[in-house]
Amino acid sequence: MICSLEELRTKEVIDVKTGERLGMIDDLRLNTETSEVTALLIYGGYRFFGILGRERDTEIPCSAVKVIGSDTVLVDGSLLTYSTNGRRKFFKSLFD
């Protein structure tokens, strides 16, 4: 199945082991040398309208993706990584 980023962004990401809804796919991480998708990214939501910052981001390596269905993406939650991502560091550097 061939899927565009726009189609992926409409799919819910579910952890297979816990059944927890992780969110919707926001972005992809690409290896520019090999032109391969290495991970799917879910950005953390805003905390208290953005005044308290954002929650942590979720990075889903392609090895964690089990099934991409018509409505959902099923992943192995034990392989996920959480981070604050570089975009926060970028915005912080603008105001320093």
Foldseek 3Di string as FASTA:
>chain_A
DDDDVVQQQQAWEAEPVPRDTPGGFDDFDADVVVRDTFWTKDFFAADPNCPVHGDWIKIGGPVQFDDDDNHYTYGHVVPIDTGNDCVVVVVVVVVD
